[in-house]
């Protein structure tokens, strides 16, 4: 699955998709290899202060085989989620 497929918009059962923040994090990998469950888990860990946003972003980046995952952007998204 390539990000070009995701840029065409969302077709089908949109109600089955995760929240927009989760999708934003998932699309940081060009092949979508960072699982939604891992993203949820990292968000929970950051909110519980078990991990810093930088540590969580680094863990998620390890799943990305194409090495395109933007850990700096992921860190900023996690920090933004902490504020809300």
C-alpha atoms as a PDB file:
ATOM      1  CA  UNK A   1       0.000   0.000   0.000  1.00  0.00           C
ATOM      2  CA  UNK A   2       1.538   3.261  -1.079  1.00  0.00           C
ATOM      3  CA  UNK A   3       0.742   6.772   0.084  1.00  0.00           C
ATOM      4  CA  UNK A   4      -0.313   7.608  -3.470  1.00  0.00           C
ATOM      5  CA  UNK A   5      -3.399   5.460  -2.849  1.00  0.00           C
ATOM      6  CA  UNK A   6      -4.198   7.535   0.209  1.00  0.00           C
ATOM      7  CA  UNK A   7      -3.823  10.802  -1.677  1.00  0.00           C
ATOM      8  CA  UNK A   8      -6.762   9.833  -3.893  1.00  0.00           C
ATOM      9  CA  UNK A   9      -9.072  10.364  -0.948  1.00  0.00           C
ATOM     10  CA  UNK A  10     -11.011   7.857   1.096  1.00  0.00           C
ATOM     11  CA  UNK A  11     -13.536   5.615  -0.570  1.00  0.00           C
ATOM     12  CA  UNK A  12     -15.773   3.018   0.989  1.00  0.00           C
ATOM     13  CA  UNK A  13     -16.671   2.636   4.644  1.00  0.00           C
ATOM     14  CA  UNK A  14     -15.185   5.845   6.067  1.00  0.00           C
ATOM     15  CA  UNK A  15     -16.809   5.142   9.421  1.00  0.00           C
ATOM     16  CA  UNK A  16     -14.417   2.208   9.909  1.00  0.00           C
ATOM     17  CA  UNK A  17     -11.315   4.403   9.663  1.00  0.00           C
ATOM     18  CA  UNK A  18      -9.465   5.497  12.810  1.00  0.00           C
ATOM     19  CA  UNK A  19      -9.440   9.111  13.974  1.00  0.00           C
ATOM     20  CA  UNK A  20      -7.787  11.754  11.829  1.00  0.00           C
ATOM     21  CA  UNK A  21      -4.788  12.098  14.194  1.00  0.00           C
ATOM     22  CA  UNK A  22      -4.110   8.374  13.936  1.00  0.00           C
ATOM     23  CA  UNK A  23      -4.321   8.490  10.141  1.00  0.00           C
ATOM     24  CA  UNK A  24      -1.962  11.466  10.069  1.00  0.00           C
ATOM     25  CA  UNK A  25       0.578   9.443  12.044  1.00  0.00           C
ATOM     26  CA  UNK A  26       0.088   6.310   9.904  1.00  0.00           C
ATOM     27  CA  UNK A  27       0.663   8.175   6.643  1.00  0.00           C
ATOM     28  CA  UNK A  28       4.106   9.350   7.796  1.00  0.00           C
ATOM     29  CA  UNK A  29       5.317   5.962   6.541  1.00  0.00           C
ATOM     30  CA  UNK A  30       5.112   5.725   2.766  1.00  0.00           C
ATOM     31  CA  UNK A  31       3.850   2.141   2.941  1.00  0.00           C
ATOM     32  CA  UNK A  32       1.577   2.541   5.981  1.00  0.00           C
ATOM     33  CA  UNK A  33       3.550  -0.012   8.012  1.00  0.00           C
ATOM     34  CA  UNK A  34       3.061   1.705  11.364  1.00  0.00           C
ATOM     35  CA  UNK A  35       0.016  -0.078  12.758  1.00  0.00           C
ATOM     36  CA  UNK A  36      -2.956   1.789  14.160  1.00  0.00           C
ATOM     37  CA  UNK A  37      -2.729  -0.259  17.369  1.00  0.00           C
ATOM     38  CA  UNK A  38       0.913   0.728  17.906  1.00  0.00           C
ATOM     39  CA  UNK A  39       0.026   4.372  17.343  1.00  0.00           C
ATOM     40  CA  UNK A  40      -2.780   4.123  19.930  1.00  0.00           C
ATOM     41  CA  UNK A  41      -0.401   2.429  22.371  1.00  0.00           C
ATOM     42  CA  UNK A  42       2.294   5.081  21.926  1.00  0.00           C
ATOM     43  CA  UNK A  43      -0.264   7.868  22.431  1.00  0.00           C
ATOM     44  CA  UNK A  44      -1.409   6.211  25.664  1.00  0.00           C
ATOM     45  CA  UNK A  45       2.188   5.803  26.859  1.00  0.00           C
ATOM     46  CA  UNK A  46       2.941   9.451  26.157  1.00  0.00           C
ATOM     47  CA  UNK A  47      -0.220  10.554  27.984  1.00  0.00           C
ATOM     48  CA  UNK A  48       0.740   8.361  30.979  1.00  0.00           C
ATOM     49  CA  UNK A  49       4.262   9.879  30.845  1.00  0.00           C
ATOM     50  CA  UNK A  50       5.839   6.439  30.371  1.00  0.00           C
ATOM     51  CA  UNK A  51       7.509   7.714  27.183  1.00  0.00           C
ATOM     52  CA  UNK A  52       8.421  11.118  25.849  1.00  0.00           C
ATOM     53  CA  UNK A  53       7.023  12.104  22.445  1.00  0.00           C
ATOM     54  CA  UNK A  54      10.538  11.733  20.993  1.00  0.00           C
ATOM     55  CA  UNK A  55      10.915   8.180  22.347  1.00  0.00           C
ATOM     56  CA  UNK A  56       7.478   7.164  21.074  1.00  0.00           C
ATOM     57  CA  UNK A  57       8.222   8.629  17.629  1.00  0.00           C
ATOM     58  CA  UNK A  58      11.502   6.708  17.492  1.00  0.00           C
ATOM     59  CA  UNK A  59       9.740   3.423  18.349  1.00  0.00           C
ATOM     60  CA  UNK A  60       7.125   3.997  15.657  1.00  0.00           C
ATOM     61  CA  UNK A  61       9.838   4.892  13.153  1.00  0.00           C
ATOM     62  CA  UNK A  62      11.435   1.460  13.574  1.00  0.00           C
ATOM     63  CA  UNK A  63       8.384  -0.135  11.901  1.00  0.00           C
ATOM     64  CA  UNK A  64       8.934   1.851   8.713  1.00  0.00           C
ATOM     65  CA  UNK A  65      10.883  -0.331   6.272  1.00  0.00           C
ATOM     66  CA  UNK A  66      11.251   2.447   3.700  1.00  0.00           C
ATOM     67  CA  UNK A  67      12.877   4.786   6.287  1.00  0.00           C
ATOM     68  CA  UNK A  68      10.631   7.670   5.254  1.00  0.00           C
ATOM     69  CA  UNK A  69       8.838   7.959   8.616  1.00  0.00           C
ATOM     70  CA  UNK A  70       9.262  11.531   9.814  1.00  0.00           C
ATOM     71  CA  UNK A  71      10.056  11.207  13.524  1.00  0.00           C
ATOM     72  CA  UNK A  72      10.202  14.983  14.022  1.00  0.00           C
ATOM     73  CA  UNK A  73       6.691  15.404  12.623  1.00  0.00           C
ATOM     74  CA  UNK A  74       5.474  12.431  14.686  1.00  0.00           C
ATOM     75  CA  UNK A  75       6.944  14.037  17.798  1.00  0.00           C
ATOM     76  CA  UNK A  76       5.112  17.299  17.049  1.00  0.00           C
ATOM     77  CA  UNK A  77       1.835  15.438  16.466  1.00  0.00           C
ATOM     78  CA  UNK A  78       2.230  13.601  19.783  1.00  0.00           C
ATOM     79  CA  UNK A  79       2.951  16.868  21.599  1.00  0.00           C
ATOM     80  CA  UNK A  80      -0.144  18.395  20.009  1.00  0.00           C
ATOM     81  CA  UNK A  81      -2.230  15.419  21.193  1.00  0.00           C
ATOM     82  CA  UNK A  82      -0.941  15.959  24.730  1.00  0.00           C
ATOM     83  CA  UNK A  83      -2.305  19.496  24.744  1.00  0.00           C
ATOM     84  CA  UNK A  84      -5.841  18.375  23.928  1.00  0.00           C
END
